[in-house]
PDB file of N, CA and C in Angstrom:
ATOM      1  N   UNK A   1     -78.973  22.494 -73.660  1.00  0.00           N
ATOM      2  CA  UNK A   1     -79.410  23.644 -72.888  1.00  0.00           C
ATOM      3  C   UNK A   1     -80.355  23.167 -71.775  1.00  0.00           C
ATOM      4  N   UNK A   2     -80.055  23.530 -70.551  1.00  0.00           N
ATOM      5  CA  UNK A   2     -80.905  23.163 -69.419  1.00  0.00           C
ATOM      6  C   UNK A   2     -82.041  24.168 -69.289  1.00  0.00           C
ATOM      7  N   UNK A   3     -83.230  23.655 -69.155  1.00  0.00           N
ATOM      8  CA  UNK A   3     -84.405  24.519 -69.007  1.00  0.00           C
ATOM      9  C   UNK A   3     -84.841  24.524 -67.547  1.00  0.00           C
ATOM     10  N   UNK A   4     -85.488  25.601 -67.139  1.00  0.00           N
ATOM     11  CA  UNK A   4     -85.983  25.704 -65.758  1.00  0.00           C
ATOM     12  C   UNK A   4     -86.919  24.550 -65.425  1.00  0.00           C
ATOM     13  N   UNK A   5     -87.706  24.128 -66.391  1.00  0.00           N
ATOM     14  CA  UNK A   5     -88.645  23.029 -66.131  1.00  0.00           C
ATOM     15  C   UNK A   5     -87.926  21.707 -65.867  1.00  0.00           C
ATOM     16  N   UNK A   6     -86.670  21.584 -66.317  1.00  0.00           N
ATOM     17  CA  UNK A   6     -85.886  20.385 -66.025  1.00  0.00           C
ATOM     18  C   UNK A   6     -85.355  20.387 -64.595  1.00  0.00           C
ATOM     19  N   UNK A   7     -85.286  21.560 -63.980  1.00  0.00           N
ATOM     20  CA  UNK A   7     -84.716  21.707 -62.642  1.00  0.00           C
ATOM     21  C   UNK A   7     -85.759  21.970 -61.567  1.00  0.00           C
ATOM     22  N   UNK A   8     -87.013  22.088 -61.978  1.00  0.00           N
ATOM     23  CA  UNK A   8     -88.065  22.524 -61.067  1.00  0.00           C
ATOM     24  C   UNK A   8     -89.192  21.507 -61.023  1.00  0.00           C
ATOM     25  N   UNK A   9     -89.728  21.324 -59.840  1.00  0.00           N
ATOM     26  CA  UNK A   9     -90.888  20.463 -59.654  1.00  0.00           C
ATOM     27  C   UNK A   9     -92.047  21.363 -59.249  1.00  0.00           C
ATOM     28  N   UNK A  10     -93.022  21.538 -60.134  1.00  0.00           N
ATOM     29  CA  UNK A  10     -94.179  22.378 -59.854  1.00  0.00           C
ATOM     30  C   UNK A  10     -95.282  21.512 -59.262  1.00  0.00           C
ATOM     31  N   UNK A  11     -95.852  21.967 -58.156  1.00  0.00           N
ATOM     32  CA  UNK A  11     -96.923  21.210 -57.502  1.00  0.00           C
ATOM     33  C   UNK A  11     -98.052  22.158 -57.103  1.00  0.00           C
ATOM     34  N   UNK A  12     -99.257  21.713 -57.281  1.00  0.00           N
ATOM     35  CA  UNK A  12    -100.426  22.419 -56.774  1.00  0.00           C
ATOM     36  C   UNK A  12    -100.842  21.670 -55.521  1.00  0.00           C
ATOM     37  N   UNK A  13    -100.636  22.297 -54.354  1.00  0.00           N
ATOM     38  CA  UNK A  13    -100.836  21.604 -53.082  1.00  0.00           C
ATOM     39  C   UNK A  13    -101.719  22.400 -52.139  1.00  0.00           C
ATOM     40  N   UNK A  14    -102.394  21.697 -51.288  1.00  0.00           N
ATOM     41  CA  UNK A  14    -103.064  22.295 -50.137  1.00  0.00           C
ATOM     42  C   UNK A  14    -102.067  22.216 -48.988  1.00  0.00           C
ATOM     43  N   UNK A  15    -101.676  23.358 -48.446  1.00  0.00           N
ATOM     44  CA  UNK A  15    -100.628  23.376 -47.407  1.00  0.00           C
ATOM     45  C   UNK A  15    -101.000  22.556 -46.179  1.00  0.00           C
ATOM     46  N   UNK A  16    -102.271  22.293 -45.977  1.00  0.00           N
ATOM     47  CA  UNK A  16    -102.687  21.491 -44.822  1.00  0.00           C
ATOM     48  C   UNK A  16    -102.383  20.009 -45.016  1.00  0.00           C
ATOM     49  N   UNK A  17    -102.067  19.623 -46.245  1.00  0.00           N
ATOM     50  CA  UNK A  17    -101.807  18.214 -46.543  1.00  0.00           C
ATOM     51  C   UNK A  17    -100.354  17.944 -46.917  1.00  0.00           C
ATOM     52  N   UNK A  18     -99.439  18.822 -46.526  1.00  0.00           N
ATOM     53  CA  UNK A  18     -98.028  18.605 -46.841  1.00  0.00           C
ATOM     54  C   UNK A  18     -97.466  17.468 -46.009  1.00  0.00           C
ATOM     55  N   UNK A  19     -96.574  16.699 -46.613  1.00  0.00           N
ATOM     56  CA  UNK A  19     -95.912  15.647 -45.847  1.00  0.00           C
ATOM     57  C   UNK A  19     -94.647  16.226 -45.198  1.00  0.00           C
ATOM     58  N   UNK A  20     -93.842  15.386 -44.602  1.00  0.00           N
ATOM     59  CA  UNK A  20     -92.679  15.845 -43.852  1.00  0.00           C
ATOM     60  C   UNK A  20     -91.424  16.011 -44.695  1.00  0.00           C
ATOM     61  N   UNK A  21     -91.511  15.864 -46.018  1.00  0.00           N
ATOM     62  CA  UNK A  21     -90.308  15.946 -46.841  1.00  0.00           C
ATOM     63  C   UNK A  21     -89.746  17.356 -46.920  1.00  0.00           C
ATOM     64  N   UNK A  22     -90.558  18.369 -46.707  1.00  0.00           N
ATOM     65  CA  UNK A  22     -90.097  19.749 -46.787  1.00  0.00           C
ATOM     66  C   UNK A  22     -90.008  20.240 -48.227  1.00  0.00           C
ATOM     67  N   UNK A  23     -89.832  21.531 -48.374  1.00  0.00           N
ATOM     68  CA  UNK A  23     -89.752  22.163 -49.682  1.00  0.00           C
ATOM     69  C   UNK A  23     -88.551  23.096 -49.703  1.00  0.00           C
ATOM     70  N   UNK A  24     -87.921  23.236 -50.876  1.00  0.00           N
ATOM     71  CA  UNK A  24     -86.800  24.164 -51.018  1.00  0.00           C
ATOM     72  C   UNK A  24     -87.279  25.606 -51.038  1.00  0.00           C
ATOM     73  N   UNK A  25     -88.353  25.862 -51.753  1.00  0.00           N
ATOM     74  CA  UNK A  25     -88.921  27.199 -51.893  1.00  0.00           C
ATOM     75  C   UNK A  25     -90.433  27.067 -52.037  1.00  0.00           C
ATOM     76  N   UNK A  26     -91.120  28.124 -51.658  1.00  0.00           N
ATOM     77  CA  UNK A  26     -92.561  28.205 -51.880  1.00  0.00           C
ATOM     78  C   UNK A  26     -92.812  29.464 -52.695  1.00  0.00           C
ATOM     79  N   UNK A  27     -93.505  29.316 -53.804  1.00  0.00           N
ATOM     80  CA  UNK A  27     -93.911  30.458 -54.611  1.00  0.00           C
ATOM     81  C   UNK A  27     -95.428  30.460 -54.624  1.00  0.00           C
ATOM     82  N   UNK A  28     -95.996  31.570 -54.220  1.00  0.00           N
ATOM     83  CA  UNK A  28     -97.446  31.673 -54.171  1.00  0.00           C
ATOM     84  C   UNK A  28     -97.886  32.848 -55.027  1.00  0.00           C
ATOM     85  N   UNK A  29     -98.878  32.613 -55.849  1.00  0.00           N
ATOM     86  CA  UNK A  29     -99.419  33.665 -56.692  1.00  0.00           C
ATOM     87  C   UNK A  29    -100.835  33.947 -56.222  1.00  0.00           C
ATOM     88  N   UNK A  30    -101.034  35.087 -55.574  1.00  0.00           N
ATOM     89  CA  UNK A  30    -102.363  35.520 -55.200  1.00  0.00           C
ATOM     90  C   UNK A  30    -102.965  34.882 -53.971  1.00  0.00           C
ATOM     91  N   UNK A  31    -102.153  34.225 -53.123  1.00  0.00           N
ATOM     92  CA  UNK A  31    -102.732  33.622 -51.930  1.00  0.00           C
ATOM     93  C   UNK A  31    -102.188  34.210 -50.638  1.00  0.00           C
ATOM     94  N   UNK A  32    -100.895  34.447 -50.567  1.00  0.00           N
ATOM     95  CA  UNK A  32    -100.279  34.845 -49.301  1.00  0.00           C
ATOM     96  C   UNK A  32    -100.875  36.122 -48.719  1.00  0.00           C
ATOM     97  N   UNK A  33    -101.240  37.060 -49.567  1.00  0.00           N
ATOM     98  CA  UNK A  33    -101.828  38.290 -49.039  1.00  0.00           C
ATOM     99  C   UNK A  33    -103.189  38.036 -48.396  1.00  0.00           C
ATOM    100  N   UNK A  34    -103.839  36.933 -48.721  1.00  0.00           N
ATOM    101  CA  UNK A  34    -105.121  36.585 -48.112  1.00  0.00           C
ATOM    102  C   UNK A  34    -104.952  35.756 -46.838  1.00  0.00           C
ATOM    103  N   UNK A  35    -103.846  35.023 -46.747  1.00  0.00           N
ATOM    104  CA  UNK A  35    -103.576  34.191 -45.571  1.00  0.00           C
ATOM    105  C   UNK A  35    -103.243  35.062 -44.369  1.00  0.00           C
ATOM    106  N   UNK A  36    -102.433  36.087 -44.577  1.00  0.00           N
ATOM    107  CA  UNK A  36    -102.054  36.994 -43.496  1.00  0.00           C
ATOM    108  C   UNK A  36    -100.758  36.583 -42.814  1.00  0.00           C
ATOM    109  N   UNK A  37    -100.016  37.578 -42.347  1.00  0.00           N
ATOM    110  CA  UNK A  37     -98.712  37.352 -41.723  1.00  0.00           C
ATOM    111  C   UNK A  37     -98.724  36.371 -40.556  1.00  0.00           C
ATOM    112  N   UNK A  38     -99.746  36.352 -39.680  1.00  0.00           N
ATOM    113  CA  UNK A  38     -99.716  35.405 -38.561  1.00  0.00           C
ATOM    114  C   UNK A  38     -99.671  33.939 -39.001  1.00  0.00           C
ATOM    115  N   UNK A  39    -100.102  33.647 -40.228  1.00  0.00           N
ATOM    116  CA  UNK A  39    -100.164  32.263 -40.698  1.00  0.00           C
ATOM    117  C   UNK A  39     -98.977  31.865 -41.564  1.00  0.00           C
ATOM    118  N   UNK A  40     -98.034  32.776 -41.810  1.00  0.00           N
ATOM    119  CA  UNK A  40     -96.885  32.443 -42.649  1.00  0.00           C
ATOM    120  C   UNK A  40     -96.006  31.347 -42.056  1.00  0.00           C
ATOM    121  N   UNK A  41     -95.622  31.402 -40.772  1.00  0.00           N
ATOM    122  CA  UNK A  41     -94.721  30.352 -40.254  1.00  0.00           C
ATOM    123  C   UNK A  41     -95.275  28.934 -40.407  1.00  0.00           C
ATOM    124  N   UNK A  42     -96.527  28.652 -40.043  1.00  0.00           N
ATOM    125  CA  UNK A  42     -97.020  27.283 -40.256  1.00  0.00           C
ATOM    126  C   UNK A  42     -97.106  26.922 -41.737  1.00  0.00           C
ATOM    127  N   UNK A  43     -97.425  27.898 -42.563  1.00  0.00           N
ATOM    128  CA  UNK A  43     -97.539  27.635 -43.998  1.00  0.00           C
ATOM    129  C   UNK A  43     -96.187  27.282 -44.590  1.00  0.00           C
ATOM    130  N   UNK A  44     -95.159  28.021 -44.215  1.00  0.00           N
ATOM    131  CA  UNK A  44     -93.847  27.799 -44.818  1.00  0.00           C
ATOM    132  C   UNK A  44     -93.078  26.674 -44.146  1.00  0.00           C
ATOM    133  N   UNK A  45     -93.333  26.406 -42.891  1.00  0.00           N
ATOM    134  CA  UNK A  45     -92.635  25.356 -42.130  1.00  0.00           C
ATOM    135  C   UNK A  45     -91.131  25.446 -42.321  1.00  0.00           C
ATOM    136  N   UNK A  46     -90.607  26.679 -42.323  1.00  0.00           N
ATOM    137  CA  UNK A  46     -89.171  26.881 -42.431  1.00  0.00           C
ATOM    138  C   UNK A  46     -88.659  27.065 -43.842  1.00  0.00           C
ATOM    139  N   UNK A  47     -89.488  26.880 -44.862  1.00  0.00           N
ATOM    140  CA  UNK A  47     -89.056  27.079 -46.247  1.00  0.00           C
ATOM    141  C   UNK A  47     -89.154  28.558 -46.596  1.00  0.00           C
ATOM    142  N   UNK A  48     -88.207  29.067 -47.391  1.00  0.00           N
ATOM    143  CA  UNK A  48     -88.321  30.461 -47.831  1.00  0.00           C
ATOM    144  C   UNK A  48     -89.584  30.646 -48.670  1.00  0.00           C
ATOM    145  N   UNK A  49     -90.238  31.776 -48.504  1.00  0.00           N
ATOM    146  CA  UNK A  49     -91.417  32.096 -49.305  1.00  0.00           C
ATOM    147  C   UNK A  49     -91.029  33.187 -50.287  1.00  0.00           C
ATOM    148  N   UNK A  50     -91.272  32.958 -51.571  1.00  0.00           N
ATOM    149  CA  UNK A  50     -90.958  33.926 -52.614  1.00  0.00           C
ATOM    150  C   UNK A  50     -92.267  34.548 -53.088  1.00  0.00           C
ATOM    151  N   UNK A  51     -92.365  35.858 -52.997  1.00  0.00           N
ATOM    152  CA  UNK A  51     -93.548  36.533 -53.516  1.00  0.00           C
ATOM    153  C   UNK A  51     -93.133  37.874 -54.080  1.00  0.00           C
ATOM    154  N   UNK A  52     -93.975  38.438 -54.866  1.00  0.00           N
ATOM    155  CA  UNK A  52     -93.680  39.709 -55.505  1.00  0.00           C
ATOM    156  C   UNK A  52     -94.146  40.838 -54.610  1.00  0.00           C
ATOM    157  N   UNK A  53     -93.316  41.866 -54.479  1.00  0.00           N
ATOM    158  CA  UNK A  53     -93.658  42.987 -53.597  1.00  0.00           C
ATOM    159  C   UNK A  53     -94.954  43.675 -54.006  1.00  0.00           C
ATOM    160  N   UNK A  54     -95.374  43.513 -55.245  1.00  0.00           N
ATOM    161  CA  UNK A  54     -96.605  44.134 -55.710  1.00  0.00           C
ATOM    162  C   UNK A  54     -97.814  43.647 -54.915  1.00  0.00           C
ATOM    163  N   UNK A  55     -97.757  42.456 -54.369  1.00  0.00           N
ATOM    164  CA  UNK A  55     -98.881  41.914 -53.608  1.00  0.00           C
ATOM    165  C   UNK A  55     -99.160  42.722 -52.353  1.00  0.00           C
ATOM    166  N   UNK A  56     -98.197  43.510 -51.891  1.00  0.00           N
ATOM    167  CA  UNK A  56     -98.346  44.253 -50.639  1.00  0.00           C
ATOM    168  C   UNK A  56     -98.702  45.708 -50.857  1.00  0.00           C
ATOM    169  N   UNK A  57     -98.942  46.119 -52.087  1.00  0.00           N
ATOM    170  CA  UNK A  57     -99.302  47.514 -52.352  1.00  0.00           C
ATOM    171  C   UNK A  57    -100.768  47.755 -52.115  1.00  0.00           C
TER     172      UNK A  57
END
């Protein structure tokens, strides 16, 4: 049985220190709503951002 942890690489990163390898997805818990929409493009650098709609209520 394949587990999600076998297919996923979890990292705790400071977005200002990302290298050029890129990311498949970005999941943020409790940060994106504080960063603000104007800062999303540099933060994601083209990677899809996954967040829960509850953060915007």
